[in-house]
Amino acid sequence: MIKQRMLFTFTEEIIKDPIIYNLNQQFNIITNILRADIAQDRGWAIIELEGSEEDIEHGIAWANSRGIRIDPAGEIIVEDQS
């Protein structure tokens, strides 16, 4: 499992969609909102994503396809599974 902090930037078209919820439900990613500024027509959030590298990659690709800009917001933390 890894943890990765990402900056999500939302546009007016996508601001009301449950993107963070869907990352958890569809891609088995644990999400932790660290900071956010959300308005009716735009927003951003720094979100820590925790899960397998493959699940996180698929979740980010899906969110990008929905119109969300996603940029790294910190280092990747790999947790020892032993």
PDB file of N, CA and C in Angstrom:
ATOM      1  N   MET A   1       0.853  -1.183   0.000  1.00  0.00           N
ATOM      2  CA  MET A   1       0.000   0.000   0.000  1.00  0.00           C
ATOM      3  C   MET A   1       0.894   1.240   0.000  1.00  0.00           C
ATOM      4  N   ILE A   2       0.398   2.259  -0.679  1.00  0.00           N
ATOM      5  CA  ILE A   2       1.113   3.525  -0.702  1.00  0.00           C
ATOM      6  C   ILE A   2       0.148   4.638  -0.307  1.00  0.00           C
ATOM      7  N   LYS A   3       0.730   5.752   0.109  1.00  0.00           N
ATOM      8  CA  LYS A   3      -0.034   6.972   0.343  1.00  0.00           C
ATOM      9  C   LYS A   3       0.536   8.032  -0.584  1.00  0.00           C
ATOM     10  N   GLN A   4      -0.358   8.770  -1.203  1.00  0.00           N
ATOM     11  CA  GLN A   4       0.061   9.783  -2.162  1.00  0.00           C
ATOM     12  C   GLN A   4      -0.814  11.013  -1.976  1.00  0.00           C
ATOM     13  N   ARG A   5      -0.199  12.188  -1.852  1.00  0.00           N
ATOM     14  CA  ARG A   5      -0.958  13.430  -1.727  1.00  0.00           C
ATOM     15  C   ARG A   5      -1.084  14.080  -3.093  1.00  0.00           C
ATOM     16  N   MET A   6      -2.331  14.427  -3.437  1.00  0.00           N
ATOM     17  CA  MET A   6      -2.604  14.993  -4.750  1.00  0.00           C
ATOM     18  C   MET A   6      -3.464  16.243  -4.607  1.00  0.00           C
ATOM     19  N   LEU A   7      -3.234  17.197  -5.501  1.00  0.00           N
ATOM     20  CA  LEU A   7      -4.050  18.406  -5.580  1.00  0.00           C
ATOM     21  C   LEU A   7      -5.095  18.194  -6.666  1.00  0.00           C
ATOM     22  N   PHE A   8      -6.362  18.182  -6.271  1.00  0.00           N
ATOM     23  CA  PHE A   8      -7.486  18.054  -7.191  1.00  0.00           C
ATOM     24  C   PHE A   8      -8.040  19.447  -7.454  1.00  0.00           C
ATOM     25  N   THR A   9      -8.206  19.815  -8.712  1.00  0.00           N
ATOM     26  CA  THR A   9      -8.800  21.097  -9.082  1.00  0.00           C
ATOM     27  C   THR A   9     -10.093  20.813  -9.834  1.00  0.00           C
ATOM     28  N   PHE A  10     -11.195  21.325  -9.286  1.00  0.00           N
ATOM     29  CA  PHE A  10     -12.533  21.064  -9.812  1.00  0.00           C
ATOM     30  C   PHE A  10     -13.046  22.274 -10.584  1.00  0.00           C
ATOM     31  N   THR A  11     -13.703  22.010 -11.700  1.00  0.00           N
ATOM     32  CA  THR A  11     -14.352  23.072 -12.476  1.00  0.00           C
ATOM     33  C   THR A  11     -15.841  23.086 -12.157  1.00  0.00           C
ATOM     34  N   GLU A  12     -16.518  24.086 -12.659  1.00  0.00           N
ATOM     35  CA  GLU A  12     -17.950  24.239 -12.409  1.00  0.00           C
ATOM     36  C   GLU A  12     -18.740  23.020 -12.878  1.00  0.00           C
ATOM     37  N   GLU A  13     -18.330  22.410 -13.980  1.00  0.00           N
ATOM     38  CA  GLU A  13     -19.058  21.275 -14.547  1.00  0.00           C
ATOM     39  C   GLU A  13     -19.021  20.040 -13.647  1.00  0.00           C
ATOM     40  N   ILE A  14     -18.008  19.911 -12.834  1.00  0.00           N
ATOM     41  CA  ILE A  14     -17.813  18.679 -12.060  1.00  0.00           C
ATOM     42  C   ILE A  14     -17.940  18.891 -10.549  1.00  0.00           C
ATOM     43  N   ILE A  15     -18.076  20.126 -10.104  1.00  0.00           N
ATOM     44  CA  ILE A  15     -17.998  20.453  -8.679  1.00  0.00           C
ATOM     45  C   ILE A  15     -19.029  19.712  -7.832  1.00  0.00           C
ATOM     46  N   LYS A  16     -20.178  19.390  -8.379  1.00  0.00           N
ATOM     47  CA  LYS A  16     -21.233  18.749  -7.587  1.00  0.00           C
ATOM     48  C   LYS A  16     -21.215  17.226  -7.651  1.00  0.00           C
ATOM     49  N   ASP A  17     -20.350  16.645  -8.471  1.00  0.00           N
ATOM     50  CA  ASP A  17     -20.278  15.189  -8.590  1.00  0.00           C
ATOM     51  C   ASP A  17     -19.511  14.589  -7.401  1.00  0.00           C
ATOM     52  N   PRO A  18     -19.916  13.395  -6.939  1.00  0.00           N
ATOM     53  CA  PRO A  18     -19.267  12.770  -5.775  1.00  0.00           C
ATOM     54  C   PRO A  18     -17.965  12.046  -6.139  1.00  0.00           C
ATOM     55  N   ILE A  19     -17.005  12.790  -6.617  1.00  0.00           N
ATOM     56  CA  ILE A  19     -15.748  12.210  -7.107  1.00  0.00           C
ATOM     57  C   ILE A  19     -14.977  11.499  -5.997  1.00  0.00           C
ATOM     58  N   ILE A  20     -14.814  12.135  -4.863  1.00  0.00           N
ATOM     59  CA  ILE A  20     -14.019  11.557  -3.778  1.00  0.00           C
ATOM     60  C   ILE A  20     -14.694  10.286  -3.258  1.00  0.00           C
ATOM     61  N   TYR A  21     -15.987  10.319  -3.102  1.00  0.00           N
ATOM     62  CA  TYR A  21     -16.739   9.129  -2.694  1.00  0.00           C
ATOM     63  C   TYR A  21     -16.528   7.994  -3.696  1.00  0.00           C
ATOM     64  N   ASN A  22     -16.621   8.306  -4.979  1.00  0.00           N
ATOM     65  CA  ASN A  22     -16.462   7.278  -6.007  1.00  0.00           C
ATOM     66  C   ASN A  22     -15.055   6.696  -6.042  1.00  0.00           C
ATOM     67  N   LEU A  23     -14.042   7.487  -5.717  1.00  0.00           N
ATOM     68  CA  LEU A  23     -12.683   6.936  -5.643  1.00  0.00           C
ATOM     69  C   LEU A  23     -12.626   5.827  -4.605  1.00  0.00           C
ATOM     70  N   ASN A  24     -13.309   6.041  -3.493  1.00  0.00           N
ATOM     71  CA  ASN A  24     -13.343   5.033  -2.441  1.00  0.00           C
ATOM     72  C   ASN A  24     -14.148   3.817  -2.873  1.00  0.00           C
ATOM     73  N   GLN A  25     -15.327   4.028  -3.385  1.00  0.00           N
ATOM     74  CA  GLN A  25     -16.232   2.932  -3.709  1.00  0.00           C
ATOM     75  C   GLN A  25     -15.810   2.127  -4.939  1.00  0.00           C
ATOM     76  N   GLN A  26     -15.391   2.806  -5.988  1.00  0.00           N
ATOM     77  CA  GLN A  26     -15.077   2.124  -7.244  1.00  0.00           C
ATOM     78  C   GLN A  26     -13.649   1.597  -7.330  1.00  0.00           C
ATOM     79  N   PHE A  27     -12.729   2.257  -6.604  1.00  0.00           N
ATOM     80  CA  PHE A  27     -11.312   1.922  -6.768  1.00  0.00           C
ATOM     81  C   PHE A  27     -10.636   1.475  -5.484  1.00  0.00           C
ATOM     82  N   ASN A  28     -11.423   1.306  -4.407  1.00  0.00           N
ATOM     83  CA  ASN A  28     -10.891   0.819  -3.137  1.00  0.00           C
ATOM     84  C   ASN A  28      -9.747   1.701  -2.622  1.00  0.00           C
ATOM     85  N   ILE A  29      -9.912   3.015  -2.766  1.00  0.00           N
ATOM     86  CA  ILE A  29      -8.907   3.974  -2.311  1.00  0.00           C
ATOM     87  C   ILE A  29      -9.425   4.659  -1.051  1.00  0.00           C
ATOM     88  N   ILE A  30      -8.607   4.677  -0.017  1.00  0.00           N
ATOM     89  CA  ILE A  30      -8.944   5.422   1.192  1.00  0.00           C
ATOM     90  C   ILE A  30      -8.571   6.876   0.932  1.00  0.00           C
ATOM     91  N   THR A  31      -9.514   7.782   1.150  1.00  0.00           N
ATOM     92  CA  THR A  31      -9.274   9.199   0.890  1.00  0.00           C
ATOM     93  C   THR A  31      -9.290   9.979   2.191  1.00  0.00           C
ATOM     94  N   ASN A  32      -8.398  10.949   2.283  1.00  0.00           N
ATOM     95  CA  ASN A  32      -8.323  11.827   3.443  1.00  0.00           C
ATOM     96  C   ASN A  32      -8.147  13.250   2.917  1.00  0.00           C
ATOM     97  N   ILE A  33      -9.154  14.083   3.113  1.00  0.00           N
ATOM     98  CA  ILE A  33      -9.081  15.475   2.654  1.00  0.00           C
ATOM     99  C   ILE A  33      -8.256  16.266   3.663  1.00  0.00           C
ATOM    100  N   LEU A  34      -7.119  16.776   3.225  1.00  0.00           N
ATOM    101  CA  LEU A  34      -6.215  17.508   4.111  1.00  0.00           C
ATOM    102  C   LEU A  34      -6.504  19.001   4.131  1.00  0.00           C
ATOM    103  N   ARG A  35      -6.837  19.554   2.982  1.00  0.00           N
ATOM    104  CA  ARG A  35      -7.215  20.972   2.833  1.00  0.00           C
ATOM    105  C   ARG A  35      -8.134  21.081   1.648  1.00  0.00           C
ATOM    106  N   ALA A  36      -9.013  22.086   1.691  1.00  0.00           N
ATOM    107  CA  ALA A  36      -9.906  22.279   0.545  1.00  0.00           C
ATOM    108  C   ALA A  36     -10.482  23.683   0.560  1.00  0.00           C
ATOM    109  N   ASP A  37     -10.826  24.144  -0.615  1.00  0.00           N
ATOM    110  CA  ASP A  37     -11.539  25.404  -0.805  1.00  0.00           C
ATOM    111  C   ASP A  37     -12.521  25.156  -1.936  1.00  0.00           C
ATOM    112  N   ILE A  38     -13.787  25.015  -1.584  1.00  0.00           N
ATOM    113  CA  ILE A  38     -14.811  24.660  -2.553  1.00  0.00           C
ATOM    114  C   ILE A  38     -15.865  25.764  -2.599  1.00  0.00           C
ATOM    115  N   ALA A  39     -16.196  26.213  -3.790  1.00  0.00           N
ATOM    116  CA  ALA A  39     -17.254  27.199  -4.008  1.00  0.00           C
ATOM    117  C   ALA A  39     -18.265  26.588  -4.982  1.00  0.00           C
ATOM    118  N   GLN A  40     -19.292  27.326  -5.338  1.00  0.00           N
ATOM    119  CA  GLN A  40     -20.301  26.800  -6.254  1.00  0.00           C
ATOM    120  C   GLN A  40     -19.763  26.541  -7.653  1.00  0.00           C
ATOM    121  N   ASP A  41     -18.784  27.324  -8.086  1.00  0.00           N
ATOM    122  CA  ASP A  41     -18.338  27.221  -9.474  1.00  0.00           C
ATOM    123  C   ASP A  41     -16.904  26.734  -9.655  1.00  0.00           C
ATOM    124  N   ARG A  42     -16.209  26.438  -8.574  1.00  0.00           N
ATOM    125  CA  ARG A  42     -14.828  25.967  -8.677  1.00  0.00           C
ATOM    126  C   ARG A  42     -14.363  25.474  -7.323  1.00  0.00           C
ATOM    127  N   GLY A  43     -13.235  24.792  -7.316  1.00  0.00           N
ATOM    128  CA  GLY A  43     -12.687  24.353  -6.040  1.00  0.00           C
ATOM    129  C   GLY A  43     -11.400  23.590  -6.208  1.00  0.00           C
ATOM    130  N   TRP A  44     -10.743  23.401  -5.079  1.00  0.00           N
ATOM    131  CA  TRP A  44      -9.539  22.586  -5.051  1.00  0.00           C
ATOM    132  C   TRP A  44      -9.499  21.841  -3.723  1.00  0.00           C
ATOM    133  N   ALA A  45      -8.791  20.734  -3.714  1.00  0.00           N
ATOM    134  CA  ALA A  45      -8.625  19.965  -2.485  1.00  0.00           C
ATOM    135  C   ALA A  45      -7.303  19.216  -2.548  1.00  0.00           C
ATOM    136  N   ILE A  46      -6.593  19.209  -1.432  1.00  0.00           N
ATOM    137  CA  ILE A  46      -5.422  18.355  -1.300  1.00  0.00           C
ATOM    138  C   ILE A  46      -5.907  17.096  -0.600  1.00  0.00           C
ATOM    139  N   ILE A  47      -5.773  15.981  -1.302  1.00  0.00           N
ATOM    140  CA  ILE A  47      -6.328  14.718  -0.832  1.00  0.00           C
ATOM    141  C   ILE A  47      -5.212  13.687  -0.733  1.00  0.00           C
ATOM    142  N   GLU A  48      -5.151  13.018   0.401  1.00  0.00           N
ATOM    143  CA  GLU A  48      -4.228  11.898   0.549  1.00  0.00           C
ATOM    144  C   GLU A  48      -4.951  10.643   0.094  1.00  0.00           C
ATOM    145  N   LEU A  49      -4.362   9.943  -0.855  1.00  0.00           N
ATOM    146  CA  LEU A  49      -4.926   8.708  -1.388  1.00  0.00           C
ATOM    147  C   LEU A  49      -4.111   7.546  -0.849  1.00  0.00           C
ATOM    148  N   GLU A  50      -4.792   6.539  -0.326  1.00  0.00           N
ATOM    149  CA  GLU A  50      -4.095   5.367   0.201  1.00  0.00           C
ATOM    150  C   GLU A  50      -4.691   4.116  -0.422  1.00  0.00           C
ATOM    151  N   GLY A  51      -3.816   3.280  -0.960  1.00  0.00           N
ATOM    152  CA  GLY A  51      -4.263   2.042  -1.593  1.00  0.00           C
ATOM    153  C   GLY A  51      -3.127   1.425  -2.370  1.00  0.00           C
ATOM    154  N   SER A  52      -3.454   0.459  -3.197  1.00  0.00           N
ATOM    155  CA  SER A  52      -2.415  -0.126  -4.035  1.00  0.00           C
ATOM    156  C   SER A  52      -2.045   0.883  -5.118  1.00  0.00           C
ATOM    157  N   GLU A  53      -0.828   0.778  -5.608  1.00  0.00           N
ATOM    158  CA  GLU A  53      -0.380   1.694  -6.654  1.00  0.00           C
ATOM    159  C   GLU A  53      -1.283   1.591  -7.885  1.00  0.00           C
ATOM    160  N   GLU A  54      -1.680   0.378  -8.224  1.00  0.00           N
ATOM    161  CA  GLU A  54      -2.534   0.164  -9.390  1.00  0.00           C
ATOM    162  C   GLU A  54      -3.919   0.798  -9.193  1.00  0.00           C
ATOM    163  N   ASP A  55      -4.517   0.609  -8.015  1.00  0.00           N
ATOM    164  CA  ASP A  55      -5.830   1.207  -7.752  1.00  0.00           C
ATOM    165  C   ASP A  55      -5.766   2.731  -7.816  1.00  0.00           C
ATOM    166  N   ILE A  56      -4.708   3.305  -7.247  1.00  0.00           N
ATOM    167  CA  ILE A  56      -4.565   4.768  -7.272  1.00  0.00           C
ATOM    168  C   ILE A  56      -4.386   5.260  -8.707  1.00  0.00           C
ATOM    169  N   GLU A  57      -3.568   4.582  -9.496  1.00  0.00           N
ATOM    170  CA  GLU A  57      -3.384   4.975 -10.898  1.00  0.00           C
ATOM    171  C   GLU A  57      -4.704   4.930 -11.663  1.00  0.00           C
ATOM    172  N   HIS A  58      -5.492   3.865 -11.460  1.00  0.00           N
ATOM    173  CA  HIS A  58      -6.784   3.755 -12.145  1.00  0.00           C
ATOM    174  C   HIS A  58      -7.753   4.837 -11.663  1.00  0.00           C
ATOM    175  N   GLY A  59      -7.761   5.104 -10.367  1.00  0.00           N
ATOM    176  CA  GLY A  59      -8.637   6.132  -9.826  1.00  0.00           C
ATOM    177  C   GLY A  59      -8.301   7.522 -10.342  1.00  0.00           C
ATOM    178  N   ILE A  60      -7.023   7.838 -10.416  1.00  0.00           N
ATOM    179  CA  ILE A  60      -6.593   9.133 -10.937  1.00  0.00           C
ATOM    180  C   ILE A  60      -6.951   9.256 -12.418  1.00  0.00           C
ATOM    181  N   ALA A  61      -6.729   8.199 -13.180  1.00  0.00           N
ATOM    182  CA  ALA A  61      -7.077   8.232 -14.613  1.00  0.00           C
ATOM    183  C   ALA A  61      -8.580   8.444 -14.789  1.00  0.00           C
ATOM    184  N   TRP A  62      -9.382   7.781 -13.970  1.00  0.00           N
ATOM    185  CA  TRP A  62     -10.836   7.951 -14.043  1.00  0.00           C
ATOM    186  C   TRP A  62     -11.232   9.392 -13.704  1.00  0.00           C
ATOM    187  N   ALA A  63     -10.667   9.934 -12.621  1.00  0.00           N
ATOM    188  CA  ALA A  63     -10.994  11.307 -12.224  1.00  0.00           C
ATOM    189  C   ALA A  63     -10.571  12.301 -13.313  1.00  0.00           C
ATOM    190  N   ASN A  64      -9.402  12.090 -13.912  1.00  0.00           N
ATOM    191  CA  ASN A  64      -8.964  12.939 -15.035  1.00  0.00           C
ATOM    192  C   ASN A  64      -9.962  12.883 -16.182  1.00  0.00           C
ATOM    193  N   SER A  65     -10.467  11.698 -16.464  1.00  0.00           N
ATOM    194  CA  SER A  65     -11.422  11.543 -17.562  1.00  0.00           C
ATOM    195  C   SER A  65     -12.743  12.258 -17.278  1.00  0.00           C
ATOM    196  N   ARG A  66     -13.026  12.526 -16.024  1.00  0.00           N
ATOM    197  CA  ARG A  66     -14.238  13.249 -15.625  1.00  0.00           C
ATOM    198  C   ARG A  66     -14.037  14.761 -15.695  1.00  0.00           C
ATOM    199  N   GLY A  67     -12.789  15.214 -15.927  1.00  0.00           N
ATOM    200  CA  GLY A  67     -12.531  16.640 -16.071  1.00  0.00           C
ATOM    201  C   GLY A  67     -11.833  17.285 -14.898  1.00  0.00           C
ATOM    202  N   ILE A  68     -11.284  16.488 -14.005  1.00  0.00           N
ATOM    203  CA  ILE A  68     -10.574  17.028 -12.847  1.00  0.00           C
ATOM    204  C   ILE A  68      -9.087  17.083 -13.152  1.00  0.00           C
ATOM    205  N   ARG A  69      -8.479  18.220 -12.839  1.00  0.00           N
ATOM    206  CA  ARG A  69      -7.024  18.322 -12.962  1.00  0.00           C
ATOM    207  C   ARG A  69      -6.423  17.787 -11.671  1.00  0.00           C
ATOM    208  N   ILE A  70      -5.433  16.920 -11.796  1.00  0.00           N
ATOM    209  CA  ILE A  70      -4.793  16.314 -10.632  1.00  0.00           C
ATOM    210  C   ILE A  70      -3.290  16.475 -10.760  1.00  0.00           C
ATOM    211  N   ASP A  71      -2.687  17.068  -9.718  1.00  0.00           N
ATOM    212  CA  ASP A  71      -1.246  17.290  -9.686  1.00  0.00           C
ATOM    213  C   ASP A  71      -0.687  16.742  -8.375  1.00  0.00           C
ATOM    214  N   PRO A  72       0.570  16.285  -8.383  1.00  0.00           N
ATOM    215  CA  PRO A  72       1.194  15.832  -7.136  1.00  0.00           C
ATOM    216  C   PRO A  72       1.254  16.976  -6.119  1.00  0.00           C
ATOM    217  N   ALA A  73       1.063  16.625  -4.847  1.00  0.00           N
ATOM    218  CA  ALA A  73       1.115  17.632  -3.779  1.00  0.00           C
ATOM    219  C   ALA A  73       1.996  17.150  -2.637  1.00  0.00           C
ATOM    220  N   GLY A  74       2.926  16.277  -2.937  1.00  0.00           N
ATOM    221  CA  GLY A  74       3.821  15.764  -1.904  1.00  0.00           C
ATOM    222  C   GLY A  74       4.445  14.464  -2.365  1.00  0.00           C
ATOM    223  N   GLU A  75       5.209  13.881  -1.481  1.00  0.00           N
ATOM    224  CA  GLU A  75       5.912  12.656  -1.833  1.00  0.00           C
ATOM    225  C   GLU A  75       5.013  11.437  -1.683  1.00  0.00           C
ATOM    226  N   ILE A  76       5.411  10.342  -2.321  1.00  0.00           N
ATOM    227  CA  ILE A  76       4.715   9.072  -2.200  1.00  0.00           C
ATOM    228  C   ILE A  76       5.313   8.339  -1.011  1.00  0.00           C
ATOM    229  N   ILE A  77       4.459   7.806  -0.153  1.00  0.00           N
ATOM    230  CA  ILE A  77       4.905   7.072   1.020  1.00  0.00           C
ATOM    231  C   ILE A  77       4.531   5.604   0.824  1.00  0.00           C
ATOM    232  N   VAL A  78       5.524   4.732   0.856  1.00  0.00           N
ATOM    233  CA  VAL A  78       5.281   3.298   0.703  1.00  0.00           C
ATOM    234  C   VAL A  78       5.285   2.701   2.094  1.00  0.00           C
ATOM    235  N   GLU A  79       4.204   1.982   2.427  1.00  0.00           N
ATOM    236  CA  GLU A  79       4.099   1.369   3.741  1.00  0.00           C
ATOM    237  C   GLU A  79       4.546  -0.084   3.659  1.00  0.00           C
ATOM    238  N   ASP A  80       5.311  -0.501   4.642  1.00  0.00           N
ATOM    239  CA  ASP A  80       5.795  -1.874   4.714  1.00  0.00           C
ATOM    240  C   ASP A  80       4.627  -2.785   5.101  1.00  0.00           C
ATOM    241  N   GLN A  81       4.412  -3.839   4.332  1.00  0.00           N
ATOM    242  CA  GLN A  81       3.289  -4.742   4.572  1.00  0.00           C
ATOM    243  C   GLN A  81       3.673  -5.946   5.436  1.00  0.00           C
ATOM    244  N   SER A  82       4.868  -5.981   6.006  1.00  0.00           N
ATOM    245  CA  SER A  82       5.273  -7.147   6.812  1.00  0.00           C
ATOM    246  C   SER A  82       4.768  -7.078   8.226  1.00  0.00           C
TER     247      SER A  82
END
